[in-house]
């Protein structure tokens, strides 16, 4: 159960990174098709990381109440309609709404980090936490590689116009969401079983989300981590959103080449976070 949970954690988190930033490497085509202004493009980028702020707070409560397995599965599934919906948007407002809703999925980070200490011993949990988080963030690089390749493959296979080609590309992250949800629900909350079973047998008392929230708000270390995480991860999210479009517009690079260069920033998570852990 330990490794199934570990792989479910990082894969779910990676999938949400893929879907959140799936539009970024294809933004030059979205701009033309949806007639987006520079302001629209910027607003869609902000939207893509906005709703997760609220959902990450809610995710902690859900993990305390239902366990990380149900919380993770629920979040993977409720964001599927927004991922599919982006294929049908016709203007900037639709794009911004869909990207904001998709960003809710990034709250899987909370479930992932909550899950590791329930499964792994203190001697190894740092590496487990860091690797699950890092391989999740890896999705920001994977999507820069994946989406342009999918776009080019569909265009060659169908000979469709660019405006028709970028839309079906989002089937890929939608399918990834569903497979990730199935993997998450097949895992366990804890080595001995799931929250419901353990609470019913008396082996575990019910979580008190209110007390956990109070403790977190009063903890100085938590606020220090908020600042440091906001600065470093904020830079990463910005790069995921703008790098590919920059290479395409200012250096006239093909979408695949721009995606490859843009992916290098996110791909460092393959090893960088684990070293920290």
C-alpha atoms as a PDB file:
ATOM      1  CA  UNK A   1       0.000   0.000   0.000  1.00  0.00           C
ATOM      2  CA  UNK A   2       2.919   2.381   0.623  1.00  0.00           C
ATOM      3  CA  UNK A   3       4.218   2.563  -2.915  1.00  0.00           C
ATOM      4  CA  UNK A   4       0.762   2.502  -4.514  1.00  0.00           C
ATOM      5  CA  UNK A   5      -0.089   5.577  -2.457  1.00  0.00           C
ATOM      6  CA  UNK A   6       3.215   7.211  -3.357  1.00  0.00           C
ATOM      7  CA  UNK A   7       2.727   6.705  -7.091  1.00  0.00           C
ATOM      8  CA  UNK A   8      -0.920   7.781  -6.884  1.00  0.00           C
ATOM      9  CA  UNK A   9       0.149  10.975  -5.105  1.00  0.00           C
ATOM     10  CA  UNK A  10       2.752  12.170  -7.552  1.00  0.00           C
ATOM     11  CA  UNK A  11       0.831  11.065 -10.652  1.00  0.00           C
ATOM     12  CA  UNK A  12      -2.334  12.896  -9.589  1.00  0.00           C
ATOM     13  CA  UNK A  13      -0.360  16.039  -8.823  1.00  0.00           C
ATOM     14  CA  UNK A  14       1.598  15.775 -12.098  1.00  0.00           C
ATOM     15  CA  UNK A  15      -1.667  15.388 -14.018  1.00  0.00           C
ATOM     16  CA  UNK A  16      -3.081  18.598 -12.557  1.00  0.00           C
ATOM     17  CA  UNK A  17       0.081  20.450 -13.558  1.00  0.00           C
ATOM     18  CA  UNK A  18      -0.280  19.076 -17.083  1.00  0.00           C
ATOM     19  CA  UNK A  19      -3.901  20.219 -17.364  1.00  0.00           C
ATOM     20  CA  UNK A  20      -3.342  23.576 -15.648  1.00  0.00           C
ATOM     21  CA  UNK A  21      -0.577  24.579 -18.043  1.00  0.00           C
ATOM     22  CA  UNK A  22      -1.732  22.631 -21.108  1.00  0.00           C
ATOM     23  CA  UNK A  23      -2.902  25.858 -22.756  1.00  0.00           C
ATOM     24  CA  UNK A  24       0.417  27.658 -22.236  1.00  0.00           C
ATOM     25  CA  UNK A  25       2.530  26.073 -25.013  1.00  0.00           C
ATOM     26  CA  UNK A  26      -0.414  26.376 -27.427  1.00  0.00           C
ATOM     27  CA  UNK A  27      -1.242  29.960 -26.479  1.00  0.00           C
ATOM     28  CA  UNK A  28      -0.058  31.408 -29.809  1.00  0.00           C
ATOM     29  CA  UNK A  29      -2.807  29.391 -31.540  1.00  0.00           C
ATOM     30  CA  UNK A  30      -5.400  30.216 -28.887  1.00  0.00           C
ATOM     31  CA  UNK A  31      -4.602  33.922 -29.295  1.00  0.00           C
ATOM     32  CA  UNK A  32      -5.318  33.836 -33.015  1.00  0.00           C
ATOM     33  CA  UNK A  33      -8.427  31.676 -32.801  1.00  0.00           C
ATOM     34  CA  UNK A  34     -10.029  33.414 -29.815  1.00  0.00           C
ATOM     35  CA  UNK A  35      -8.728  36.876 -30.759  1.00  0.00           C
ATOM     36  CA  UNK A  36      -7.037  37.354 -27.400  1.00  0.00           C
ATOM     37  CA  UNK A  37      -5.329  40.586 -26.443  1.00  0.00           C
ATOM     38  CA  UNK A  38      -2.120  40.712 -24.414  1.00  0.00           C
ATOM     39  CA  UNK A  39      -4.253  41.537 -21.374  1.00  0.00           C
ATOM     40  CA  UNK A  40      -6.497  38.512 -22.017  1.00  0.00           C
ATOM     41  CA  UNK A  41      -3.471  36.251 -22.201  1.00  0.00           C
ATOM     42  CA  UNK A  42      -2.135  37.626 -18.934  1.00  0.00           C
ATOM     43  CA  UNK A  43      -5.501  37.285 -17.205  1.00  0.00           C
ATOM     44  CA  UNK A  44      -5.827  33.673 -18.300  1.00  0.00           C
ATOM     45  CA  UNK A  45      -2.398  33.003 -16.808  1.00  0.00           C
ATOM     46  CA  UNK A  46      -3.422  34.572 -13.506  1.00  0.00           C
ATOM     47  CA  UNK A  47      -6.682  32.604 -13.552  1.00  0.00           C
ATOM     48  CA  UNK A  48      -4.771  29.361 -14.074  1.00  0.00           C
ATOM     49  CA  UNK A  49      -3.247  29.623 -10.586  1.00  0.00           C
ATOM     50  CA  UNK A  50      -5.951  31.547  -8.718  1.00  0.00           C
ATOM     51  CA  UNK A  51      -8.691  29.153  -7.588  1.00  0.00           C
ATOM     52  CA  UNK A  52      -6.144  26.763  -6.137  1.00  0.00           C
ATOM     53  CA  UNK A  53      -5.524  29.259  -3.318  1.00  0.00           C
ATOM     54  CA  UNK A  54      -9.054  28.664  -2.027  1.00  0.00           C
ATOM     55  CA  UNK A  55      -9.094  24.965  -2.780  1.00  0.00           C
ATOM     56  CA  UNK A  56      -5.789  24.281  -1.047  1.00  0.00           C
ATOM     57  CA  UNK A  57      -7.318  25.560   2.171  1.00  0.00           C
ATOM     58  CA  UNK A  58     -10.424  23.434   1.659  1.00  0.00           C
ATOM     59  CA  UNK A  59      -8.318  20.422   0.755  1.00  0.00           C
ATOM     60  CA  UNK A  60      -6.729  20.348   4.188  1.00  0.00           C
ATOM     61  CA  UNK A  61     -10.169  20.161   5.805  1.00  0.00           C
ATOM     62  CA  UNK A  62     -11.266  17.411   3.396  1.00  0.00           C
ATOM     63  CA  UNK A  63      -8.157  15.352   4.105  1.00  0.00           C
ATOM     64  CA  UNK A  64      -8.799  15.607   7.846  1.00  0.00           C
ATOM     65  CA  UNK A  65     -12.434  14.602   7.458  1.00  0.00           C
ATOM     66  CA  UNK A  66     -12.528  12.056   4.631  1.00  0.00           C
ATOM     67  CA  UNK A  67      -8.900  11.027   4.218  1.00  0.00           C
ATOM     68  CA  UNK A  68      -6.540  11.877   1.361  1.00  0.00           C
ATOM     69  CA  UNK A  69      -7.795   9.072  -0.894  1.00  0.00           C
ATOM     70  CA  UNK A  70     -11.322  10.420  -1.297  1.00  0.00           C
ATOM     71  CA  UNK A  71     -10.147  14.036  -1.332  1.00  0.00           C
ATOM     72  CA  UNK A  72      -7.642  13.351  -4.110  1.00  0.00           C
ATOM     73  CA  UNK A  73     -10.104  11.328  -6.191  1.00  0.00           C
ATOM     74  CA  UNK A  74     -12.848  13.924  -5.869  1.00  0.00           C
ATOM     75  CA  UNK A  75     -10.591  16.761  -6.990  1.00  0.00           C
ATOM     76  CA  UNK A  76      -9.331  14.817 -10.010  1.00  0.00           C
ATOM     77  CA  UNK A  77     -12.889  14.152 -11.173  1.00  0.00           C
ATOM     78  CA  UNK A  78     -14.567  17.519 -10.527  1.00  0.00           C
ATOM     79  CA  UNK A  79     -11.981  19.294 -12.699  1.00  0.00           C
ATOM     80  CA  UNK A  80     -12.559  17.033 -15.723  1.00  0.00           C
ATOM     81  CA  UNK A  81     -15.517  19.113 -17.069  1.00  0.00           C
ATOM     82  CA  UNK A  82     -13.357  22.258 -17.116  1.00  0.00           C
ATOM     83  CA  UNK A  83     -10.559  20.439 -18.959  1.00  0.00           C
ATOM     84  CA  UNK A  84     -13.065  19.206 -21.549  1.00  0.00           C
ATOM     85  CA  UNK A  85     -14.810  22.586 -21.607  1.00  0.00           C
ATOM     86  CA  UNK A  86     -11.713  24.418 -22.763  1.00  0.00           C
ATOM     87  CA  UNK A  87     -12.088  22.621 -26.105  1.00  0.00           C
ATOM     88  CA  UNK A  88     -15.333  24.506 -26.719  1.00  0.00           C
ATOM     89  CA  UNK A  89     -14.501  28.047 -25.568  1.00  0.00           C
ATOM     90  CA  UNK A  90     -15.144  30.844 -28.042  1.00  0.00           C
ATOM     91  CA  UNK A  91     -13.742  33.901 -26.300  1.00  0.00           C
ATOM     92  CA  UNK A  92     -11.417  35.179 -23.591  1.00  0.00           C
ATOM     93  CA  UNK A  93     -14.024  34.927 -20.820  1.00  0.00           C
ATOM     94  CA  UNK A  94     -14.604  31.247 -21.500  1.00  0.00           C
ATOM     95  CA  UNK A  95     -10.875  30.558 -21.499  1.00  0.00           C
ATOM     96  CA  UNK A  96     -10.326  32.432 -18.235  1.00  0.00           C
ATOM     97  CA  UNK A  97     -13.212  30.623 -16.497  1.00  0.00           C
ATOM     98  CA  UNK A  98     -12.048  27.184 -17.633  1.00  0.00           C
ATOM     99  CA  UNK A  99      -8.437  27.817 -16.639  1.00  0.00           C
ATOM    100  CA  UNK A 100      -9.537  29.096 -13.229  1.00  0.00           C
ATOM    101  CA  UNK A 101     -11.635  25.981 -12.619  1.00  0.00           C
ATOM    102  CA  UNK A 102      -8.841  23.687 -13.809  1.00  0.00           C
ATOM    103  CA  UNK A 103      -6.473  25.352 -11.335  1.00  0.00           C
ATOM    104  CA  UNK A 104      -8.549  23.896  -8.483  1.00  0.00           C
ATOM    105  CA  UNK A 105      -6.784  20.639  -9.280  1.00  0.00           C
ATOM    106  CA  UNK A 106      -3.444  21.989  -8.093  1.00  0.00           C
ATOM    107  CA  UNK A 107      -4.788  21.519  -4.569  1.00  0.00           C
ATOM    108  CA  UNK A 108      -3.880  17.858  -5.012  1.00  0.00           C
ATOM    109  CA  UNK A 109      -0.526  19.051  -3.680  1.00  0.00           C
ATOM    110  CA  UNK A 110      -2.090  19.255  -0.230  1.00  0.00           C
ATOM    111  CA  UNK A 111      -3.432  15.702  -0.364  1.00  0.00           C
ATOM    112  CA  UNK A 112      -0.109  14.464  -1.671  1.00  0.00           C
ATOM    113  CA  UNK A 113       1.843  16.036   1.183  1.00  0.00           C
ATOM    114  CA  UNK A 114      -0.788  14.992   3.728  1.00  0.00           C
ATOM    115  CA  UNK A 115      -0.649  11.395   2.510  1.00  0.00           C
ATOM    116  CA  UNK A 116       3.101  10.736   2.765  1.00  0.00           C
ATOM    117  CA  UNK A 117       3.488  10.973   6.584  1.00  0.00           C
ATOM    118  CA  UNK A 118       0.603   8.528   7.056  1.00  0.00           C
ATOM    119  CA  UNK A 119       2.525   5.896   5.120  1.00  0.00           C
ATOM    120  CA  UNK A 120       6.252   6.472   5.589  1.00  0.00           C
ATOM    121  CA  UNK A 121       8.501   6.469   8.653  1.00  0.00           C
ATOM    122  CA  UNK A 122      10.172   9.710   9.862  1.00  0.00           C
ATOM    123  CA  UNK A 123      13.538   8.483   8.569  1.00  0.00           C
ATOM    124  CA  UNK A 124      12.306   8.464   4.967  1.00  0.00           C
ATOM    125  CA  UNK A 125       9.256  10.755   4.880  1.00  0.00           C
ATOM    126  CA  UNK A 126      11.294  13.810   3.900  1.00  0.00           C
ATOM    127  CA  UNK A 127      12.482  12.116   0.726  1.00  0.00           C
ATOM    128  CA  UNK A 128       8.994  10.752   0.084  1.00  0.00           C
ATOM    129  CA  UNK A 129       7.349  14.148   0.497  1.00  0.00           C
ATOM    130  CA  UNK A 130       9.939  15.937  -1.614  1.00  0.00           C
ATOM    131  CA  UNK A 131       9.891  13.391  -4.428  1.00  0.00           C
ATOM    132  CA  UNK A 132       6.083  13.248  -4.595  1.00  0.00           C
ATOM    133  CA  UNK A 133       5.957  17.045  -4.756  1.00  0.00           C
ATOM    134  CA  UNK A 134       8.826  17.285  -7.231  1.00  0.00           C
ATOM    135  CA  UNK A 135       7.504  14.662  -9.591  1.00  0.00           C
ATOM    136  CA  UNK A 136       4.141  16.412  -9.407  1.00  0.00           C
ATOM    137  CA  UNK A 137       5.674  19.766 -10.343  1.00  0.00           C
ATOM    138  CA  UNK A 138       7.415  17.887 -13.129  1.00  0.00           C
ATOM    139  CA  UNK A 139       4.081  18.105 -14.926  1.00  0.00           C
ATOM    140  CA  UNK A 140       4.821  21.764 -15.661  1.00  0.00           C
ATOM    141  CA  UNK A 141       7.688  20.596 -17.866  1.00  0.00           C
ATOM    142  CA  UNK A 142       5.924  17.512 -19.210  1.00  0.00           C
ATOM    143  CA  UNK A 143       3.013  19.556 -20.549  1.00  0.00           C
ATOM    144  CA  UNK A 144       5.406  21.889 -22.416  1.00  0.00           C
ATOM    145  CA  UNK A 145       6.779  18.818 -24.210  1.00  0.00           C
ATOM    146  CA  UNK A 146       3.557  16.859 -24.541  1.00  0.00           C
ATOM    147  CA  UNK A 147       0.983  19.355 -25.818  1.00  0.00           C
ATOM    148  CA  UNK A 148       2.993  20.669 -28.817  1.00  0.00           C
ATOM    149  CA  UNK A 149       3.764  17.080 -29.897  1.00  0.00           C
ATOM    150  CA  UNK A 150       0.072  16.164 -29.630  1.00  0.00           C
ATOM    151  CA  UNK A 151      -0.834  19.332 -31.571  1.00  0.00           C
ATOM    152  CA  UNK A 152       1.587  18.573 -34.419  1.00  0.00           C
ATOM    153  CA  UNK A 153       0.499  14.922 -34.549  1.00  0.00           C
ATOM    154  CA  UNK A 154      -3.196  15.831 -34.824  1.00  0.00           C
ATOM    155  CA  UNK A 155      -2.495  18.495 -37.457  1.00  0.00           C
ATOM    156  CA  UNK A 156      -0.507  16.041 -39.594  1.00  0.00           C
ATOM    157  CA  UNK A 157      -3.052  13.253 -39.200  1.00  0.00           C
ATOM    158  CA  UNK A 158      -6.135  15.374 -39.928  1.00  0.00           C
ATOM    159  CA  UNK A 159      -4.750  18.213 -42.090  1.00  0.00           C
ATOM    160  CA  UNK A 160      -7.031  20.502 -40.082  1.00  0.00           C
ATOM    161  CA  UNK A 161      -6.551  24.205 -39.550  1.00  0.00           C
ATOM    162  CA  UNK A 162      -4.753  25.409 -36.423  1.00  0.00           C
ATOM    163  CA  UNK A 163      -8.036  26.665 -34.960  1.00  0.00           C
ATOM    164  CA  UNK A 164      -9.492  23.161 -35.116  1.00  0.00           C
ATOM    165  CA  UNK A 165      -6.319  21.319 -34.171  1.00  0.00           C
ATOM    166  CA  UNK A 166      -5.586  22.803 -30.717  1.00  0.00           C
ATOM    167  CA  UNK A 167      -9.007  21.923 -29.298  1.00  0.00           C
ATOM    168  CA  UNK A 168      -8.856  18.086 -29.340  1.00  0.00           C
ATOM    169  CA  UNK A 169      -5.389  18.275 -27.742  1.00  0.00           C
ATOM    170  CA  UNK A 170      -7.130  18.719 -24.384  1.00  0.00           C
ATOM    171  CA  UNK A 171      -8.550  15.203 -24.578  1.00  0.00           C
ATOM    172  CA  UNK A 172      -5.116  14.038 -23.389  1.00  0.00           C
ATOM    173  CA  UNK A 173      -5.143  15.814 -19.985  1.00  0.00           C
ATOM    174  CA  UNK A 174      -8.828  14.928 -19.543  1.00  0.00           C
ATOM    175  CA  UNK A 175      -8.043  11.219 -19.925  1.00  0.00           C
ATOM    176  CA  UNK A 176      -5.080  11.619 -17.574  1.00  0.00           C
ATOM    177  CA  UNK A 177      -7.427  13.050 -14.921  1.00  0.00           C
ATOM    178  CA  UNK A 178      -9.708  10.030 -15.113  1.00  0.00           C
ATOM    179  CA  UNK A 179      -6.863   7.501 -14.945  1.00  0.00           C
ATOM    180  CA  UNK A 180      -5.326   9.405 -12.018  1.00  0.00           C
ATOM    181  CA  UNK A 181      -8.648   9.312 -10.143  1.00  0.00           C
ATOM    182  CA  UNK A 182      -8.863   5.537 -10.635  1.00  0.00           C
ATOM    183  CA  UNK A 183      -5.328   5.127  -9.318  1.00  0.00           C
ATOM    184  CA  UNK A 184      -6.032   7.310  -6.279  1.00  0.00           C
ATOM    185  CA  UNK A 185      -9.239   5.517  -5.272  1.00  0.00           C
ATOM    186  CA  UNK A 186      -7.436   2.169  -5.492  1.00  0.00           C
ATOM    187  CA  UNK A 187      -4.902   3.235  -2.848  1.00  0.00           C
ATOM    188  CA  UNK A 188      -5.273   3.306   0.960  1.00  0.00           C
ATOM    189  CA  UNK A 189      -5.445   6.232   3.367  1.00  0.00           C
ATOM    190  CA  UNK A 190      -3.137   4.504   5.844  1.00  0.00           C
ATOM    191  CA  UNK A 191      -1.137   1.234   5.928  1.00  0.00           C
ATOM    192  CA  UNK A 192      -3.798  -0.462   8.089  1.00  0.00           C
ATOM    193  CA  UNK A 193      -6.800   0.641   6.024  1.00  0.00           C
ATOM    194  CA  UNK A 194      -8.982   3.611   5.080  1.00  0.00           C
ATOM    195  CA  UNK A 195     -10.297   6.352   7.355  1.00  0.00           C
ATOM    196  CA  UNK A 196     -13.870   5.046   7.414  1.00  0.00           C
ATOM    197  CA  UNK A 197     -12.853   1.525   8.403  1.00  0.00           C
ATOM    198  CA  UNK A 198     -10.360   2.654  11.043  1.00  0.00           C
ATOM    199  CA  UNK A 199     -12.744   5.160  12.635  1.00  0.00           C
ATOM    200  CA  UNK A 200     -15.532   2.602  12.734  1.00  0.00           C
ATOM    201  CA  UNK A 201     -13.287   0.048  14.458  1.00  0.00           C
ATOM    202  CA  UNK A 202     -11.980   2.637  16.918  1.00  0.00           C
ATOM    203  CA  UNK A 203      -8.389   2.316  15.695  1.00  0.00           C
ATOM    204  CA  UNK A 204      -8.442   5.994  14.674  1.00  0.00           C
ATOM    205  CA  UNK A 205     -10.321   8.928  16.106  1.00  0.00           C
ATOM    206  CA  UNK A 206     -12.116  11.326  13.780  1.00  0.00           C
ATOM    207  CA  UNK A 207     -10.048  14.257  12.550  1.00  0.00           C
ATOM    208  CA  UNK A 208     -10.744  17.722  13.952  1.00  0.00           C
ATOM    209  CA  UNK A 209     -10.244  20.150  11.061  1.00  0.00           C
ATOM    210  CA  UNK A 210     -11.051  23.200  13.206  1.00  0.00           C
ATOM    211  CA  UNK A 211      -8.257  22.477  15.655  1.00  0.00           C
ATOM    212  CA  UNK A 212      -5.816  21.819  12.819  1.00  0.00           C
ATOM    213  CA  UNK A 213      -6.678  25.159  11.182  1.00  0.00           C
ATOM    214  CA  UNK A 214      -6.260  27.045  14.467  1.00  0.00           C
ATOM    215  CA  UNK A 215      -2.884  25.442  15.056  1.00  0.00           C
ATOM    216  CA  UNK A 216      -1.739  26.268  11.525  1.00  0.00           C
ATOM    217  CA  UNK A 217      -2.745  29.924  11.729  1.00  0.00           C
ATOM    218  CA  UNK A 218      -0.890  30.352  15.008  1.00  0.00           C
ATOM    219  CA  UNK A 219       2.287  28.593  13.869  1.00  0.00           C
ATOM    220  CA  UNK A 220       5.040  31.058  12.949  1.00  0.00           C
ATOM    221  CA  UNK A 221       6.899  28.394  10.981  1.00  0.00           C
ATOM    222  CA  UNK A 222       3.850  27.952   8.763  1.00  0.00           C
ATOM    223  CA  UNK A 223       3.878  31.646   7.810  1.00  0.00           C
ATOM    224  CA  UNK A 224       7.599  31.540   7.031  1.00  0.00           C
ATOM    225  CA  UNK A 225       6.942  28.604   4.725  1.00  0.00           C
ATOM    226  CA  UNK A 226       4.077  30.518   3.081  1.00  0.00           C
ATOM    227  CA  UNK A 227       6.476  33.313   2.115  1.00  0.00           C
ATOM    228  CA  UNK A 228       9.311  31.088   0.904  1.00  0.00           C
ATOM    229  CA  UNK A 229       7.012  28.741  -1.012  1.00  0.00           C
ATOM    230  CA  UNK A 230       5.126  31.656  -2.555  1.00  0.00           C
ATOM    231  CA  UNK A 231       8.324  33.188  -3.899  1.00  0.00           C
ATOM    232  CA  UNK A 232       9.965  30.068  -5.322  1.00  0.00           C
ATOM    233  CA  UNK A 233       6.858  28.271  -6.612  1.00  0.00           C
ATOM    234  CA  UNK A 234       5.365  31.555  -7.833  1.00  0.00           C
ATOM    235  CA  UNK A 235       8.351  32.027 -10.119  1.00  0.00           C
ATOM    236  CA  UNK A 236       8.011  28.481 -11.413  1.00  0.00           C
ATOM    237  CA  UNK A 237       4.312  28.894 -12.196  1.00  0.00           C
ATOM    238  CA  UNK A 238       5.018  32.154 -14.031  1.00  0.00           C
ATOM    239  CA  UNK A 239       7.664  30.508 -16.190  1.00  0.00           C
ATOM    240  CA  UNK A 240       5.323  27.615 -16.985  1.00  0.00           C
ATOM    241  CA  UNK A 241       2.759  30.113 -18.253  1.00  0.00           C
ATOM    242  CA  UNK A 242       4.857  32.475 -20.339  1.00  0.00           C
ATOM    243  CA  UNK A 243       8.081  30.806 -21.503  1.00  0.00           C
ATOM    244  CA  UNK A 244       6.773  28.973 -24.586  1.00  0.00           C
ATOM    245  CA  UNK A 245       4.796  31.956 -25.893  1.00  0.00           C
ATOM    246  CA  UNK A 246       7.869  34.149 -25.409  1.00  0.00           C
ATOM    247  CA  UNK A 247      10.057  31.831 -27.476  1.00  0.00           C
ATOM    248  CA  UNK A 248       7.425  31.604 -30.211  1.00  0.00           C
ATOM    249  CA  UNK A 249       6.667  35.321 -30.456  1.00  0.00           C
ATOM    250  CA  UNK A 250      10.059  36.906 -29.811  1.00  0.00           C
ATOM    251  CA  UNK A 251      12.366  34.273 -31.319  1.00  0.00           C
ATOM    252  CA  UNK A 252      10.044  32.865 -33.994  1.00  0.00           C
ATOM    253  CA  UNK A 253      10.552  29.283 -32.803  1.00  0.00           C
ATOM    254  CA  UNK A 254       8.332  26.389 -33.880  1.00  0.00           C
ATOM    255  CA  UNK A 255       5.906  25.270 -31.187  1.00  0.00           C
ATOM    256  CA  UNK A 256       7.746  21.993 -30.501  1.00  0.00           C
ATOM    257  CA  UNK A 257      11.138  23.688 -30.123  1.00  0.00           C
ATOM    258  CA  UNK A 258       9.671  26.390 -27.893  1.00  0.00           C
ATOM    259  CA  UNK A 259       8.009  23.702 -25.800  1.00  0.00           C
ATOM    260  CA  UNK A 260      11.267  21.791 -25.448  1.00  0.00           C
ATOM    261  CA  UNK A 261      13.163  24.827 -24.171  1.00  0.00           C
ATOM    262  CA  UNK A 262      10.290  25.833 -21.876  1.00  0.00           C
ATOM    263  CA  UNK A 263      10.109  22.347 -20.399  1.00  0.00           C
ATOM    264  CA  UNK A 264      13.655  22.451 -19.013  1.00  0.00           C
ATOM    265  CA  UNK A 265      12.626  24.649 -16.100  1.00  0.00           C
ATOM    266  CA  UNK A 266       9.911  22.271 -14.927  1.00  0.00           C
ATOM    267  CA  UNK A 267      11.858  19.119 -15.723  1.00  0.00           C
ATOM    268  CA  UNK A 268      14.460  20.015 -13.112  1.00  0.00           C
ATOM    269  CA  UNK A 269      11.888  18.811 -10.576  1.00  0.00           C
ATOM    270  CA  UNK A 270      12.795  15.271 -11.617  1.00  0.00           C
ATOM    271  CA  UNK A 271      15.713  15.468  -9.174  1.00  0.00           C
ATOM    272  CA  UNK A 272      15.875  18.916  -7.562  1.00  0.00           C
ATOM    273  CA  UNK A 273      13.086  18.498  -4.996  1.00  0.00           C
ATOM    274  CA  UNK A 274      14.260  15.025  -4.027  1.00  0.00           C
ATOM    275  CA  UNK A 275      17.715  16.382  -3.208  1.00  0.00           C
ATOM    276  CA  UNK A 276      16.092  18.913  -0.868  1.00  0.00           C
ATOM    277  CA  UNK A 277      14.090  16.139   0.785  1.00  0.00           C
END
